[in-house]
Structure formats: structure tokens, C-alpha cells
Protein backbone atom coordinates (compact mmCIF):
# COMPACT_ATOMS: atom_id res chain seq x y z
CA MET A 1 -0.08 -0.24 -0.23
CA GLU A 2 2.69 2.51 0.35
CA ASN A 3 4.62 1.58 -2.55
CA GLN A 4 1.10 2.51 -4.17
CA LYS A 5 1.04 6.06 -2.47
CA SER A 6 4.79 6.73 -3.11
CA SER A 7 4.46 6.13 -6.92
CA LEU A 8 1.43 8.86 -6.87
CA LEU A 9 4.20 11.12 -5.40
CA ALA A 10 6.01 10.73 -8.54
CA ALA A 11 3.09 12.19 -10.71
CA THR A 12 3.53 15.23 -12.35
CA PRO A 13 2.55 18.85 -10.63
CA ARG A 14 -0.61 19.80 -12.18
CA ALA A 15 -1.88 16.38 -13.09
CA GLU A 16 -5.51 15.77 -12.29
CA HIS A 17 -6.68 12.86 -9.63
CA VAL A 18 -9.95 11.19 -9.20
CA ILE A 19 -10.81 10.83 -5.77
CA GLY A 20 -13.30 7.77 -5.64
CA TYR A 21 -14.88 5.07 -3.40
CA ALA A 22 -14.33 1.04 -3.05
CA PHE A 23 -17.18 -0.41 -1.44
CA PRO A 24 -16.39 -3.32 0.86
CA ARG A 25 -16.22 -6.82 -1.00
CA SER A 26 -15.60 -4.88 -4.36
CA SER A 27 -13.11 -6.40 -6.35
CA GLN A 28 -11.40 -2.98 -6.72
CA ALA A 29 -11.51 -2.95 -2.67
CA THR A 30 -9.98 -6.38 -2.35
CA SER A 31 -7.06 -5.57 -5.20
CA LEU A 32 -6.01 -2.61 -3.12
CA GLY A 33 -6.20 -4.49 0.34
CA HIS A 34 -9.24 -3.37 1.78
CA GLY A 35 -11.79 -6.07 0.60
CA SER A 36 -13.56 -6.38 3.91
CA SER A 37 -13.62 -2.47 4.92
CA GLY A 38 -13.73 -0.73 1.78
CA CYS A 39 -11.65 2.30 0.85
CA PHE A 40 -11.16 5.56 -0.93
CA THR A 41 -9.30 5.55 -4.07
CA ILE A 42 -6.82 8.06 -5.63
CA GLN A 43 -5.91 7.89 -9.08
CA VAL A 44 -3.51 9.94 -10.58
CA ALA A 45 -1.74 9.03 -14.38
CA GLY A 46 -3.29 6.05 -14.06
CA THR A 47 -2.00 4.61 -10.81
CA LEU A 48 -4.71 3.86 -8.26
CA ALA A 49 -3.75 3.58 -4.64
CA PRO A 50 -6.22 3.56 -1.73
CA ALA A 51 -7.02 5.52 1.40
CA GLU A 52 -8.83 4.71 4.60
CA THR A 53 -10.69 8.01 4.70
CA TYR A 54 -11.47 10.66 2.71
CA ALA A 55 -9.23 13.28 4.79
CA GLU A 56 -6.64 10.86 3.84
CA ALA A 57 -7.21 10.97 0.14
CA LYS A 58 -7.50 14.79 0.51
CA THR A 59 -4.23 15.16 1.98
CA ILE A 60 -2.45 13.22 -0.59
CA VAL A 61 -3.87 14.98 -2.99
CA VAL A 62 -3.23 18.46 -1.69
CA ARG A 63 0.74 16.99 -1.07
CA LEU A 64 0.60 16.09 -4.83
CA GLY A 65 -0.23 19.40 -5.80
CA THR A 66 -2.90 17.92 -8.81
CA SER A 67 -6.65 19.34 -9.41
CA PRO A 68 -9.42 17.12 -9.30
CA GLY A 69 -10.72 15.79 -12.26
CA ARG A 70 -14.12 16.15 -13.53
CA TRP A 71 -15.65 12.87 -11.79
CA SER A 72 -13.63 13.29 -8.53
CA TRP A 73 -15.43 13.43 -4.98
CA ASP A 74 -13.64 17.18 -4.36
CA HIS A 75 -14.10 18.81 -8.09
CA PRO A 76 -16.69 21.63 -6.99
CA LEU A 77 -19.32 20.82 -8.94
CA ASN A 78 -19.54 17.55 -7.16
CA THR A 79 -19.54 18.70 -3.59
CA SER A 80 -23.37 19.27 -3.23
CA PHE A 81 -24.24 15.67 -4.67
CA PHE A 82 -21.50 13.71 -2.36
CA SER A 83 -22.10 15.72 0.97
CA HIS A 84 -25.79 13.84 0.82
CA HIS A 85 -24.11 10.66 0.47
CA MET A 86 -21.55 11.20 3.02
CA HIS A 87 -21.52 10.91 7.24
CA SER A 88 -20.15 14.66 8.62
CA ASP A 89 -16.53 12.58 8.93
CA GLY A 90 -16.37 11.85 4.98
CA GLN A 91 -17.16 8.40 5.22
CA PRO A 92 -20.00 6.89 2.66
CA LEU A 93 -23.42 6.40 3.90
CA THR A 94 -23.98 2.48 3.69
CA GLY A 95 -26.34 1.24 1.41
CA VAL A 96 -26.10 4.60 -0.92
CA ASN A 97 -24.95 4.10 -4.41
CA VAL A 98 -22.57 6.70 -5.27
């Protein structure tokens, strides 16, 4: 998991990122080592890495200096949509498709 995060750090500045979510028991969460709990995902330049929380995902992309892609959870046009599907701590509501 740390190698995946380290490879994200090699992304070019001003590249776009996409923060998403992989639900528990999904193939994506399982492949990222979070099959039982689910995880947030960060994609930059074709590299996908997990983050345990939305706050961790945001911290990583701020450190990378990338900008949100159109379908990223943190894109300005998506904030009102995703806020209806998340708890106040940034974790997704269960049973809600996002």
C-alpha cells in the first residue's frame, strides 16, 4: 500500500486526480487490500492507490499538488451531490450508491 502511495507522489504537478470510493467486498477494494472495509481511491496518471478515509485522500492530493478531475469527489461541481451521501466525517453512508 505504501508503494502505491509513493508512486502517486511521482505524478507530475498539475496532473489531475480522481478521488473515488471502493465499497467493501468489491473487486477494487479487494485488489487494494481493503476488501473487508472498503476504501477511498486516488487515481493519478493511471496509478490507483487506497486511502482509509476521505481526509487521508484529500491530504495526499494536496501534497501531490494535483487538481480534481471532473468526477472526483472533491471537484467543485460534485460537492453538493456527495455531501448527501457522506457522514460528517467524510465516510460514505452504507447502502447508498455513489
